[in-house]
Amino acid sequence: MTRFLTIVFCLAFGAAAASAQCGGGGVTGVPDLDQSLVTWGLGAGESATVFVVPDGTGEPLTAAHRPAGTPVDATIHLVLLDPCDFPIWNFPREDMWLESGDGGLVPCNGGTVADSQTDPNGHTSWSAPLRAGGHSQSVCRVLVNGMALGQPLPLHFVSADINGDRQVNLADVALFAQAYASPYGFAADLHPNGVVNLSDIAVMARSMGAHCP
């Protein structure tokens, strides 16, 4: 009888511990990076580029560009799950952000965090304009609590803040001129379409003076 009660107690304790770890599906729990899901609308082998500005006046991810310049919705979706596959809701947006694989994307404080905290289904997204500078042709990673989640995405970034000092000024104009004069300077393709032309000059002029809030 004593052994039976011990087994029952251990099973009950184990279930309670698992429930606490999983958060019961209704409160903020500990994210499981293997269970959680990152998706976006582009297919395998496809890539996109989005124009960003430190003050957030760049393009939303919903208006990114394919390599040839055609518009594409590059919204990134995240479903945050705990170790028992329960959705984690009300997870703070500031603890979920984007980074480029090479560090070329230089965000302002909180400039690449998720659009909102997670909803009751554990979902949040990145669709609004980012507040950042720099440029990157590397991959984009989704980070949760500083840990990369899911496969990196082929999302690239360009900015009028070419040198990544979080402001658009004459130093960036000089770098833009150098890239503009090259056969193809990715950093100067501010209206991403695979060529550098007068449309990029207009974008550069419009962004002059922008800086992080």
N, C-alpha and C. Protein backbone atom coordinates (compact mmCIF):
# COMPACT_ATOMS: atom_id res chain seq x y z
N MET A 1 0.84 -1.20 0.00
CA MET A 1 0.00 0.00 0.00
C MET A 1 0.87 1.25 0.00
N THR A 2 1.92 1.21 0.83
CA THR A 2 2.83 2.36 0.90
C THR A 2 3.49 2.61 -0.44
N ARG A 3 3.88 1.51 -1.10
CA ARG A 3 4.52 1.65 -2.41
C ARG A 3 3.54 2.23 -3.43
N PHE A 4 2.30 1.80 -3.35
CA PHE A 4 1.27 2.31 -4.27
C PHE A 4 1.07 3.81 -4.08
N LEU A 5 1.01 4.24 -2.82
CA LEU A 5 0.83 5.67 -2.54
C LEU A 5 2.03 6.48 -3.02
N THR A 6 3.22 5.88 -2.88
CA THR A 6 4.42 6.57 -3.34
C THR A 6 4.39 6.79 -4.85
N ILE A 7 3.95 5.74 -5.58
CA ILE A 7 3.87 5.84 -7.04
C ILE A 7 2.85 6.90 -7.44
N VAL A 8 1.68 6.89 -6.77
CA VAL A 8 0.64 7.87 -7.06
C VAL A 8 1.16 9.28 -6.81
N PHE A 9 1.88 9.46 -5.70
CA PHE A 9 2.42 10.77 -5.36
C PHE A 9 3.42 11.24 -6.42
N CYS A 10 4.28 10.32 -6.85
CA CYS A 10 5.29 10.69 -7.84
C CYS A 10 4.64 11.07 -9.17
N LEU A 11 3.61 10.32 -9.56
CA LEU A 11 2.92 10.64 -10.80
C LEU A 11 2.24 12.00 -10.71
N ALA A 12 1.60 12.26 -9.57
CA ALA A 12 0.92 13.54 -9.38
C ALA A 12 1.92 14.68 -9.36
N PHE A 13 3.06 14.46 -8.69
CA PHE A 13 4.08 15.51 -8.62
C PHE A 13 4.66 15.78 -10.00
N GLY A 14 4.90 14.70 -10.76
CA GLY A 14 5.44 14.87 -12.10
C GLY A 14 4.49 15.62 -13.00
N ALA A 15 3.19 15.32 -12.90
CA ALA A 15 2.20 16.02 -13.71
C ALA A 15 2.14 17.49 -13.34
N ALA A 16 2.22 17.77 -12.04
CA ALA A 16 2.18 19.16 -11.59
C ALA A 16 3.41 19.92 -12.07
N ALA A 17 4.57 19.25 -12.03
CA ALA A 17 5.80 19.90 -12.48
C ALA A 17 5.74 20.18 -13.97
N ALA A 18 5.21 19.21 -14.73
CA ALA A 18 5.09 19.42 -16.18
C ALA A 18 4.13 20.55 -16.48
N SER A 19 3.02 20.60 -15.70
CA SER A 19 2.05 21.66 -15.91
C SER A 19 2.66 23.01 -15.61
N ALA A 20 3.49 23.07 -14.55
CA ALA A 20 4.13 24.34 -14.20
C ALA A 20 5.11 24.76 -15.28
N GLN A 21 5.86 23.77 -15.81
CA GLN A 21 6.83 24.08 -16.86
C GLN A 21 6.14 24.58 -18.11
N CYS A 22 5.00 23.93 -18.43
CA CYS A 22 4.29 24.28 -19.65
C CYS A 22 3.42 25.51 -19.47
N GLY A 23 3.17 25.89 -18.26
CA GLY A 23 2.38 27.08 -18.03
C GLY A 23 0.89 26.87 -18.20
N GLY A 24 0.47 25.60 -18.38
CA GLY A 24 -0.96 25.33 -18.49
C GLY A 24 -1.59 25.89 -19.74
N GLY A 25 -0.80 26.46 -20.63
CA GLY A 25 -1.32 26.97 -21.88
C GLY A 25 -2.01 28.31 -21.78
N GLY A 26 -2.08 28.90 -20.59
CA GLY A 26 -2.84 30.13 -20.48
C GLY A 26 -2.07 31.31 -19.94
N VAL A 27 -0.83 31.09 -19.54
CA VAL A 27 -0.03 32.18 -18.99
C VAL A 27 1.33 32.18 -19.67
N THR A 28 2.06 33.25 -19.48
CA THR A 28 3.39 33.32 -20.06
C THR A 28 4.26 32.22 -19.49
N GLY A 29 4.79 31.36 -20.35
CA GLY A 29 5.63 30.27 -19.93
C GLY A 29 7.02 30.40 -20.52
N VAL A 30 7.75 29.29 -20.48
CA VAL A 30 9.10 29.26 -21.02
C VAL A 30 9.04 28.78 -22.46
N PRO A 31 9.48 29.57 -23.42
CA PRO A 31 9.40 29.16 -24.82
C PRO A 31 10.28 27.96 -25.12
N ASP A 32 9.78 27.07 -25.95
CA ASP A 32 10.56 25.95 -26.46
C ASP A 32 10.96 26.31 -27.89
N LEU A 33 12.24 26.53 -28.10
CA LEU A 33 12.71 26.99 -29.40
C LEU A 33 12.57 25.93 -30.48
N ASP A 34 12.48 24.66 -30.08
CA ASP A 34 12.30 23.60 -31.06
C ASP A 34 10.84 23.45 -31.46
N GLN A 35 9.93 23.72 -30.53
CA GLN A 35 8.50 23.58 -30.82
C GLN A 35 7.93 24.82 -31.51
N SER A 36 8.45 25.98 -31.19
CA SER A 36 7.93 27.23 -31.74
C SER A 36 8.20 27.31 -33.24
N LEU A 37 7.38 28.09 -33.95
CA LEU A 37 7.41 28.10 -35.41
C LEU A 37 7.64 29.51 -35.96
N VAL A 38 8.52 29.63 -36.93
CA VAL A 38 8.74 30.87 -37.68
C VAL A 38 8.38 30.60 -39.14
N THR A 39 7.50 31.43 -39.71
CA THR A 39 7.11 31.28 -41.11
C THR A 39 7.06 32.65 -41.78
N TRP A 40 7.10 32.64 -43.11
CA TRP A 40 6.84 33.85 -43.89
C TRP A 40 6.27 33.45 -45.23
N GLY A 41 5.88 34.42 -46.03
CA GLY A 41 5.11 34.13 -47.23
C GLY A 41 5.91 33.72 -48.44
N LEU A 42 7.24 33.83 -48.41
CA LEU A 42 8.05 33.50 -49.57
C LEU A 42 8.36 32.02 -49.61
N GLY A 43 8.51 31.50 -50.81
CA GLY A 43 8.80 30.09 -50.98
C GLY A 43 10.28 29.77 -50.86
N ALA A 44 10.58 28.48 -50.91
CA ALA A 44 11.97 28.03 -50.84
C ALA A 44 12.77 28.62 -51.99
N GLY A 45 13.96 29.11 -51.67
CA GLY A 45 14.83 29.68 -52.69
C GLY A 45 14.54 31.13 -53.03
N GLU A 46 13.47 31.70 -52.47
CA GLU A 46 13.12 33.09 -52.74
C GLU A 46 13.74 34.00 -51.68
N SER A 47 14.00 35.24 -52.06
CA SER A 47 14.55 36.22 -51.12
C SER A 47 13.85 37.55 -51.32
N ALA A 48 14.05 38.44 -50.36
CA ALA A 48 13.45 39.78 -50.44
C ALA A 48 14.37 40.77 -49.76
N THR A 49 14.20 42.03 -50.12
CA THR A 49 14.96 43.13 -49.52
C THR A 49 13.99 44.20 -49.06
N VAL A 50 14.24 44.75 -47.88
CA VAL A 50 13.38 45.81 -47.36
C VAL A 50 14.24 47.03 -47.01
N PHE A 51 13.71 48.21 -47.30
CA PHE A 51 14.40 49.47 -47.02
C PHE A 51 14.02 49.94 -45.63
N VAL A 52 15.03 50.22 -44.79
CA VAL A 52 14.80 50.65 -43.41
C VAL A 52 15.46 52.00 -43.17
N VAL A 53 14.92 52.74 -42.21
CA VAL A 53 15.44 54.06 -41.83
C VAL A 53 15.43 54.12 -40.30
N PRO A 54 16.42 54.76 -39.67
CA PRO A 54 16.45 54.79 -38.21
C PRO A 54 15.20 55.36 -37.55
N ASP A 55 14.51 56.29 -38.20
CA ASP A 55 13.32 56.88 -37.58
C ASP A 55 12.04 56.13 -37.90
N GLY A 56 12.15 55.00 -38.59
CA GLY A 56 10.97 54.18 -38.87
C GLY A 56 10.17 54.61 -40.08
N THR A 57 10.73 55.47 -40.94
CA THR A 57 10.01 55.94 -42.12
C THR A 57 10.33 55.12 -43.37
N GLY A 58 10.93 53.97 -43.17
CA GLY A 58 11.22 53.10 -44.30
C GLY A 58 10.01 52.29 -44.72
N GLU A 59 10.24 51.23 -45.47
CA GLU A 59 9.15 50.40 -45.95
C GLU A 59 8.73 49.38 -44.90
N PRO A 60 7.44 49.08 -44.82
CA PRO A 60 7.01 47.96 -43.99
C PRO A 60 7.43 46.65 -44.65
N LEU A 61 7.49 45.59 -43.89
CA LEU A 61 7.83 44.30 -44.47
C LEU A 61 6.76 43.83 -45.45
N THR A 62 5.57 44.39 -45.34
CA THR A 62 4.51 44.05 -46.28
C THR A 62 4.79 44.61 -47.67
N ALA A 63 5.74 45.53 -47.78
CA ALA A 63 6.07 46.16 -49.06
C ALA A 63 7.55 45.99 -49.38
N ALA A 64 8.08 44.79 -49.10
CA ALA A 64 9.46 44.48 -49.46
C ALA A 64 9.55 44.25 -50.97
N HIS A 65 10.75 43.96 -51.44
CA HIS A 65 10.95 43.79 -52.89
C HIS A 65 11.70 42.49 -53.18
N ARG A 66 11.28 41.82 -54.24
CA ARG A 66 12.05 40.71 -54.76
C ARG A 66 13.29 41.26 -55.47
N PRO A 67 14.27 40.39 -55.81
CA PRO A 67 15.51 40.89 -56.43
C PRO A 67 15.29 41.74 -57.68
N ALA A 68 14.24 41.46 -58.44
CA ALA A 68 13.98 42.24 -59.66
C ALA A 68 13.15 43.49 -59.39
N GLY A 69 12.77 43.70 -58.12
CA GLY A 69 12.04 44.91 -57.76
C GLY A 69 10.55 44.76 -57.58
N THR A 70 9.98 43.61 -57.91
CA THR A 70 8.54 43.44 -57.74
C THR A 70 8.20 43.39 -56.25
N PRO A 71 7.10 44.01 -55.86
CA PRO A 71 6.71 44.03 -54.44
C PRO A 71 6.36 42.63 -53.94
N VAL A 72 6.61 42.41 -52.67
CA VAL A 72 6.27 41.13 -52.04
C VAL A 72 6.03 41.37 -50.55
N ASP A 73 5.07 40.64 -50.01
CA ASP A 73 4.79 40.71 -48.58
C ASP A 73 5.76 39.78 -47.86
N ALA A 74 6.71 40.35 -47.14
CA ALA A 74 7.73 39.57 -46.43
C ALA A 74 7.46 39.52 -44.93
N THR A 75 6.20 39.67 -44.54
CA THR A 75 5.83 39.59 -43.12
C THR A 75 6.34 38.29 -42.51
N ILE A 76 6.93 38.40 -41.34
CA ILE A 76 7.43 37.23 -40.61
C ILE A 76 6.44 36.90 -39.49
N HIS A 77 6.07 35.64 -39.39
CA HIS A 77 5.13 35.19 -38.36
C HIS A 77 5.84 34.27 -37.37
N LEU A 78 5.51 34.43 -36.11
CA LEU A 78 6.05 33.58 -35.05
C LEU A 78 4.91 33.04 -34.20
N VAL A 79 4.90 31.74 -34.00
CA VAL A 79 3.99 31.11 -33.04
C VAL A 79 4.85 30.55 -31.93
N LEU A 80 4.69 31.11 -30.74
CA LEU A 80 5.53 30.77 -29.59
C LEU A 80 4.83 29.69 -28.77
N LEU A 81 5.52 28.55 -28.60
CA LEU A 81 4.96 27.41 -27.88
C LEU A 81 5.86 27.01 -26.73
N ASP A 82 5.26 26.42 -25.69
CA ASP A 82 6.04 25.92 -24.57
C ASP A 82 6.41 24.45 -24.82
N PRO A 83 7.13 23.79 -23.91
CA PRO A 83 7.57 22.41 -24.16
C PRO A 83 6.44 21.41 -24.37
N CYS A 84 5.22 21.75 -23.98
CA CYS A 84 4.09 20.85 -24.15
C CYS A 84 3.18 21.27 -25.30
N ASP A 85 3.70 22.12 -26.18
CA ASP A 85 2.96 22.59 -27.36
C ASP A 85 1.81 23.53 -27.03
N PHE A 86 1.76 24.06 -25.84
CA PHE A 86 0.75 25.06 -25.51
C PHE A 86 1.23 26.43 -26.02
N PRO A 87 0.33 27.24 -26.57
CA PRO A 87 0.74 28.59 -26.98
C PRO A 87 1.06 29.46 -25.77
N ILE A 88 2.07 30.29 -25.92
CA ILE A 88 2.46 31.23 -24.87
C ILE A 88 1.93 32.60 -25.26
N TRP A 89 1.03 33.14 -24.47
CA TRP A 89 0.45 34.44 -24.81
C TRP A 89 0.90 35.51 -23.84
N ASN A 90 0.80 36.76 -24.29
CA ASN A 90 1.29 37.92 -23.54
C ASN A 90 2.80 37.91 -23.37
N PHE A 91 3.50 37.18 -24.24
CA PHE A 91 4.97 37.21 -24.16
C PHE A 91 5.44 38.59 -24.63
N PRO A 92 6.32 39.26 -23.88
CA PRO A 92 6.68 40.65 -24.19
C PRO A 92 7.29 40.82 -25.57
N ARG A 93 6.81 41.80 -26.31
CA ARG A 93 7.32 42.04 -27.66
C ARG A 93 8.79 42.41 -27.67
N GLU A 94 9.25 43.08 -26.59
CA GLU A 94 10.65 43.52 -26.56
C GLU A 94 11.62 42.35 -26.38
N ASP A 95 11.11 41.16 -26.07
CA ASP A 95 11.96 39.98 -25.93
C ASP A 95 12.00 39.14 -27.20
N MET A 96 11.43 39.68 -28.29
CA MET A 96 11.45 39.00 -29.60
C MET A 96 11.90 40.03 -30.64
N TRP A 97 12.99 39.76 -31.33
CA TRP A 97 13.50 40.76 -32.28
C TRP A 97 14.21 40.08 -33.45
N LEU A 98 14.56 40.91 -34.45
CA LEU A 98 15.26 40.44 -35.64
C LEU A 98 16.70 40.91 -35.63
N GLU A 99 17.58 40.10 -36.19
CA GLU A 99 18.98 40.46 -36.40
C GLU A 99 19.42 39.92 -37.76
N SER A 100 20.41 40.57 -38.35
CA SER A 100 21.01 40.03 -39.56
C SER A 100 22.16 39.11 -39.16
N GLY A 101 22.43 38.12 -40.01
CA GLY A 101 23.46 37.15 -39.68
C GLY A 101 24.85 37.73 -39.60
N ASP A 102 25.10 38.82 -40.32
CA ASP A 102 26.43 39.42 -40.34
C ASP A 102 26.55 40.67 -39.49
N GLY A 103 25.48 41.04 -38.79
CA GLY A 103 25.51 42.25 -37.97
C GLY A 103 25.41 43.53 -38.77
N GLY A 104 25.17 43.42 -40.08
CA GLY A 104 25.09 44.62 -40.92
C GLY A 104 23.86 45.46 -40.68
N LEU A 105 22.78 44.84 -40.21
CA LEU A 105 21.59 45.59 -39.81
C LEU A 105 21.84 46.16 -38.42
N VAL A 106 21.76 47.49 -38.29
CA VAL A 106 22.07 48.14 -37.02
C VAL A 106 20.79 48.77 -36.47
N PRO A 107 20.12 48.11 -35.53
CA PRO A 107 18.83 48.63 -35.05
C PRO A 107 18.98 49.75 -34.03
N CYS A 108 17.99 50.62 -34.01
CA CYS A 108 17.85 51.55 -32.89
C CYS A 108 17.38 50.74 -31.69
N ASN A 109 17.32 51.36 -30.52
CA ASN A 109 16.86 50.67 -29.33
C ASN A 109 15.43 50.18 -29.54
N GLY A 110 15.25 48.87 -29.55
CA GLY A 110 13.93 48.31 -29.77
C GLY A 110 13.45 48.42 -31.20
N GLY A 111 14.34 48.72 -32.13
CA GLY A 111 13.93 49.00 -33.50
C GLY A 111 13.51 47.82 -34.33
N THR A 112 13.82 46.60 -33.88
CA THR A 112 13.44 45.42 -34.65
C THR A 112 12.60 44.44 -33.83
N VAL A 113 11.97 44.93 -32.76
CA VAL A 113 11.15 44.04 -31.94
C VAL A 113 9.85 43.71 -32.67
N ALA A 114 9.16 42.70 -32.18
CA ALA A 114 7.91 42.25 -32.79
C ALA A 114 6.86 43.36 -32.77
N ASP A 115 5.87 43.23 -33.65
CA ASP A 115 4.80 44.23 -33.72
C ASP A 115 4.00 44.32 -32.44
N SER A 116 3.85 43.20 -31.74
CA SER A 116 3.02 43.17 -30.53
C SER A 116 3.42 41.99 -29.67
N GLN A 117 2.92 41.97 -28.44
CA GLN A 117 3.09 40.78 -27.62
C GLN A 117 2.29 39.63 -28.25
N THR A 118 2.59 38.40 -27.86
CA THR A 118 1.89 37.26 -28.45
C THR A 118 0.42 37.24 -28.03
N ASP A 119 -0.43 36.79 -28.95
CA ASP A 119 -1.87 36.72 -28.68
C ASP A 119 -2.22 35.38 -28.02
N PRO A 120 -3.49 35.09 -27.74
CA PRO A 120 -3.84 33.82 -27.09
C PRO A 120 -3.41 32.58 -27.87
N ASN A 121 -3.14 32.72 -29.15
CA ASN A 121 -2.64 31.60 -29.95
C ASN A 121 -1.12 31.53 -29.99
N GLY A 122 -0.47 32.43 -29.22
CA GLY A 122 0.99 32.46 -29.21
C GLY A 122 1.59 33.15 -30.41
N HIS A 123 0.77 33.85 -31.18
CA HIS A 123 1.22 34.44 -32.45
C HIS A 123 1.60 35.91 -32.31
N THR A 124 2.66 36.28 -33.00
CA THR A 124 3.01 37.68 -33.23
C THR A 124 3.65 37.76 -34.61
N SER A 125 4.00 38.95 -35.04
CA SER A 125 4.56 39.09 -36.39
C SER A 125 5.46 40.31 -36.48
N TRP A 126 6.15 40.39 -37.60
CA TRP A 126 6.93 41.57 -37.98
C TRP A 126 6.42 42.01 -39.34
N SER A 127 5.69 43.11 -39.36
CA SER A 127 5.16 43.63 -40.62
C SER A 127 5.38 45.13 -40.75
N ALA A 128 5.51 45.83 -39.63
CA ALA A 128 5.67 47.29 -39.63
C ALA A 128 7.10 47.67 -40.02
N PRO A 129 7.32 48.93 -40.41
CA PRO A 129 8.69 49.38 -40.72
C PRO A 129 9.60 49.23 -39.50
N LEU A 130 10.83 48.81 -39.75
CA LEU A 130 11.81 48.69 -38.68
C LEU A 130 12.52 50.03 -38.49
N ARG A 131 13.05 50.24 -37.30
CA ARG A 131 13.86 51.43 -37.02
C ARG A 131 15.31 50.97 -36.93
N ALA A 132 16.02 51.14 -38.05
CA ALA A 132 17.38 50.61 -38.11
C ALA A 132 18.14 51.25 -39.26
N GLY A 133 19.44 51.03 -39.26
CA GLY A 133 20.30 51.48 -40.35
C GLY A 133 21.21 50.34 -40.78
N GLY A 134 22.23 50.69 -41.56
CA GLY A 134 23.16 49.69 -42.06
C GLY A 134 22.61 48.97 -43.28
N HIS A 135 23.29 47.93 -43.69
CA HIS A 135 22.83 47.12 -44.82
C HIS A 135 23.37 45.71 -44.68
N SER A 136 22.63 44.76 -45.22
CA SER A 136 23.03 43.36 -45.08
C SER A 136 22.44 42.52 -46.19
N GLN A 137 23.28 41.70 -46.80
CA GLN A 137 22.83 40.69 -47.75
C GLN A 137 22.92 39.29 -47.14
N SER A 138 23.10 39.26 -45.83
CA SER A 138 23.13 37.99 -45.11
C SER A 138 21.70 37.56 -44.77
N VAL A 139 21.58 36.51 -43.98
CA VAL A 139 20.26 36.03 -43.57
C VAL A 139 19.71 36.88 -42.43
N CYS A 140 18.43 36.74 -42.20
CA CYS A 140 17.75 37.39 -41.07
C CYS A 140 17.36 36.31 -40.07
N ARG A 141 17.60 36.57 -38.81
CA ARG A 141 17.27 35.61 -37.76
C ARG A 141 16.22 36.19 -36.82
N VAL A 142 15.33 35.33 -36.35
CA VAL A 142 14.36 35.68 -35.31
C VAL A 142 14.94 35.24 -33.98
N LEU A 143 15.03 36.16 -33.03
CA LEU A 143 15.57 35.83 -31.72
C LEU A 143 14.50 35.98 -30.65
N VAL A 144 14.47 35.02 -29.73
CA VAL A 144 13.58 35.06 -28.57
C VAL A 144 14.46 34.94 -27.33
N ASN A 145 14.39 35.95 -26.48
CA ASN A 145 15.26 35.99 -25.30
C ASN A 145 16.74 35.84 -25.69
N GLY A 146 17.10 36.37 -26.86
CA GLY A 146 18.49 36.34 -27.29
C GLY A 146 18.93 35.06 -27.97
N MET A 147 18.01 34.10 -28.13
CA MET A 147 18.33 32.82 -28.76
C MET A 147 17.66 32.74 -30.13
N ALA A 148 18.44 32.33 -31.14
CA ALA A 148 17.89 32.21 -32.50
C ALA A 148 16.88 31.09 -32.56
N LEU A 149 15.80 31.34 -33.29
CA LEU A 149 14.69 30.39 -33.38
C LEU A 149 14.43 30.07 -34.85
N GLY A 150 14.29 28.79 -35.17
CA GLY A 150 13.95 28.38 -36.52
C GLY A 150 15.08 28.60 -37.51
N GLN A 151 14.77 28.35 -38.78
CA GLN A 151 15.75 28.53 -39.84
C GLN A 151 15.89 30.02 -40.19
N PRO A 152 17.10 30.48 -40.49
CA PRO A 152 17.26 31.88 -40.90
C PRO A 152 16.54 32.13 -42.22
N LEU A 153 16.09 33.36 -42.40
CA LEU A 153 15.32 33.74 -43.58
C LEU A 153 16.17 34.58 -44.53
N PRO A 154 16.01 34.41 -45.84
CA PRO A 154 16.76 35.22 -46.80
C PRO A 154 16.13 36.60 -47.00
N LEU A 155 16.07 37.35 -45.90
CA LEU A 155 15.57 38.72 -45.93
C LEU A 155 16.75 39.66 -45.78
N HIS A 156 16.93 40.56 -46.75
CA HIS A 156 18.06 41.47 -46.77
C HIS A 156 17.60 42.89 -46.45
N PHE A 157 18.56 43.75 -46.11
CA PHE A 157 18.23 45.10 -45.66
C PHE A 157 19.12 46.14 -46.32
N VAL A 158 18.51 47.25 -46.71
CA VAL A 158 19.26 48.43 -47.16
C VAL A 158 18.72 49.64 -46.40
N SER A 159 19.55 50.67 -46.30
CA SER A 159 19.14 51.86 -45.55
C SER A 159 19.90 53.08 -46.08
N ALA A 160 19.26 54.24 -45.98
CA ALA A 160 19.96 55.49 -46.28
C ALA A 160 21.06 55.74 -45.25
N ASP A 161 20.95 55.12 -44.08
CA ASP A 161 22.02 55.16 -43.09
C ASP A 161 23.02 54.07 -43.46
N ILE A 162 23.79 54.33 -44.49
CA ILE A 162 24.65 53.29 -45.06
C ILE A 162 25.75 52.85 -44.09
N ASN A 163 26.32 53.79 -43.34
CA ASN A 163 27.42 53.42 -42.44
C ASN A 163 26.94 52.87 -41.10
N GLY A 164 25.64 52.84 -40.87
CA GLY A 164 25.11 52.20 -39.68
C GLY A 164 25.38 52.93 -38.38
N ASP A 165 25.49 54.27 -38.43
CA ASP A 165 25.70 55.02 -37.19
C ASP A 165 24.39 55.56 -36.63
N ARG A 166 23.29 55.05 -37.15
CA ARG A 166 21.93 55.35 -36.68
C ARG A 166 21.48 56.78 -37.01
N GLN A 167 22.07 57.37 -38.03
CA GLN A 167 21.62 58.67 -38.51
C GLN A 167 21.99 58.80 -39.98
N VAL A 168 21.20 59.57 -40.71
CA VAL A 168 21.46 59.77 -42.13
C VAL A 168 22.03 61.17 -42.32
N ASN A 169 23.28 61.25 -42.77
CA ASN A 169 23.94 62.55 -42.91
C ASN A 169 24.90 62.53 -44.10
N LEU A 170 25.76 63.53 -44.17
CA LEU A 170 26.66 63.66 -45.32
C LEU A 170 27.63 62.50 -45.45
N ALA A 171 27.97 61.86 -44.33
CA ALA A 171 28.85 60.69 -44.41
C ALA A 171 28.19 59.58 -45.24
N ASP A 172 26.89 59.45 -45.10
CA ASP A 172 26.17 58.44 -45.88
C ASP A 172 26.06 58.85 -47.35
N VAL A 173 25.94 60.15 -47.59
CA VAL A 173 25.89 60.64 -48.98
C VAL A 173 27.18 60.27 -49.71
N ALA A 174 28.32 60.42 -49.04
CA ALA A 174 29.61 60.08 -49.65
C ALA A 174 29.67 58.59 -49.98
N LEU A 175 29.20 57.75 -49.06
CA LEU A 175 29.20 56.30 -49.31
C LEU A 175 28.22 55.94 -50.42
N PHE A 176 27.09 56.65 -50.44
CA PHE A 176 26.10 56.43 -51.50
C PHE A 176 26.71 56.75 -52.86
N ALA A 177 27.45 57.85 -52.95
CA ALA A 177 28.07 58.25 -54.21
C ALA A 177 29.07 57.20 -54.69
N GLN A 178 29.84 56.64 -53.76
CA GLN A 178 30.80 55.60 -54.13
C GLN A 178 30.08 54.37 -54.67
N ALA A 179 29.03 53.94 -53.97
CA ALA A 179 28.28 52.76 -54.41
C ALA A 179 27.55 53.02 -55.71
N TYR A 180 27.07 54.25 -55.86
CA TYR A 180 26.33 54.63 -57.07
C TYR A 180 27.23 54.53 -58.30
N ALA A 181 28.51 54.85 -58.12
CA ALA A 181 29.46 54.85 -59.23
C ALA A 181 29.98 53.46 -59.56
N SER A 182 29.74 52.48 -58.70
CA SER A 182 30.23 51.13 -58.95
C SER A 182 29.30 50.40 -59.91
N PRO A 183 29.74 49.28 -60.50
CA PRO A 183 28.87 48.53 -61.42
C PRO A 183 27.51 48.19 -60.81
N TYR A 184 27.50 47.69 -59.60
CA TYR A 184 26.26 47.55 -58.84
C TYR A 184 26.60 47.60 -57.36
N GLY A 185 26.15 48.65 -56.70
CA GLY A 185 26.39 48.78 -55.27
C GLY A 185 25.12 48.48 -54.50
N PHE A 186 25.05 47.30 -53.88
CA PHE A 186 23.85 46.91 -53.14
C PHE A 186 23.45 47.96 -52.12
N ALA A 187 24.43 48.55 -51.43
CA ALA A 187 24.14 49.52 -50.38
C ALA A 187 23.44 50.76 -50.90
N ALA A 188 23.58 51.05 -52.20
CA ALA A 188 22.95 52.24 -52.79
C ALA A 188 21.62 51.92 -53.48
N ASP A 189 21.25 50.65 -53.52
CA ASP A 189 19.99 50.26 -54.16
C ASP A 189 18.86 50.43 -53.14
N LEU A 190 18.55 51.68 -52.83
CA LEU A 190 17.61 52.00 -51.75
C LEU A 190 16.16 51.76 -52.15
N HIS A 191 15.90 51.78 -53.44
CA HIS A 191 14.60 51.34 -53.96
C HIS A 191 14.87 49.98 -54.61
N PRO A 192 14.88 48.93 -53.80
CA PRO A 192 15.48 47.66 -54.24
C PRO A 192 14.85 47.08 -55.51
N ASN A 193 15.64 47.11 -56.58
CA ASN A 193 15.15 46.54 -57.84
C ASN A 193 16.29 45.98 -58.69
N GLY A 194 17.47 45.85 -58.09
CA GLY A 194 18.59 45.25 -58.81
C GLY A 194 19.41 46.22 -59.62
N VAL A 195 19.03 47.49 -59.65
CA VAL A 195 19.81 48.52 -60.35
C VAL A 195 19.86 49.77 -59.47
N VAL A 196 20.90 50.55 -59.65
CA VAL A 196 21.03 51.82 -58.93
C VAL A 196 20.81 52.94 -59.93
N ASN A 197 19.78 53.76 -59.67
CA ASN A 197 19.43 54.81 -60.63
C ASN A 197 18.85 56.02 -59.91
N LEU A 198 18.18 56.89 -60.65
CA LEU A 198 17.67 58.14 -60.07
C LEU A 198 16.65 57.90 -58.96
N SER A 199 15.92 56.80 -59.02
CA SER A 199 14.94 56.54 -57.97
C SER A 199 15.61 56.37 -56.62
N ASP A 200 16.82 55.85 -56.62
CA ASP A 200 17.56 55.68 -55.36
C ASP A 200 18.04 57.02 -54.82
N ILE A 201 18.40 57.93 -55.71
CA ILE A 201 18.80 59.27 -55.27
C ILE A 201 17.64 59.96 -54.56
N ALA A 202 16.44 59.80 -55.10
CA ALA A 202 15.26 60.42 -54.49
C ALA A 202 15.01 59.86 -53.10
N VAL A 203 15.19 58.56 -52.94
CA VAL A 203 14.99 57.94 -51.62
C VAL A 203 16.04 58.46 -50.64
N MET A 204 17.27 58.58 -51.09
CA MET A 204 18.35 59.08 -50.23
C MET A 204 18.04 60.50 -49.78
N ALA A 205 17.61 61.35 -50.70
CA ALA A 205 17.31 62.74 -50.36
C ALA A 205 16.16 62.83 -49.37
N ARG A 206 15.17 61.98 -49.54
CA ARG A 206 14.00 62.02 -48.65
C ARG A 206 14.35 61.61 -47.23
N SER A 207 15.39 60.81 -47.07
CA SER A 207 15.74 60.30 -45.74
C SER A 207 16.77 61.14 -45.01
N MET A 208 17.31 62.16 -45.66
CA MET A 208 18.35 62.97 -45.03
C MET A 208 17.87 63.55 -43.70
N GLY A 209 18.75 63.45 -42.69
CA GLY A 209 18.43 63.99 -41.37
C GLY A 209 17.74 63.01 -40.45
N ALA A 210 17.34 61.86 -40.96
CA ALA A 210 16.66 60.88 -40.11
C ALA A 210 17.63 60.31 -39.08
N HIS A 211 17.12 60.01 -37.91
CA HIS A 211 17.95 59.42 -36.85
C HIS A 211 17.06 58.64 -35.90
N CYS A 212 17.68 57.88 -35.03
CA CYS A 212 16.91 57.11 -34.05
C CYS A 212 16.14 58.04 -33.14
N PRO A 213 14.96 57.63 -32.69
CA PRO A 213 14.16 58.47 -31.77
C PRO A 213 14.91 58.73 -30.48
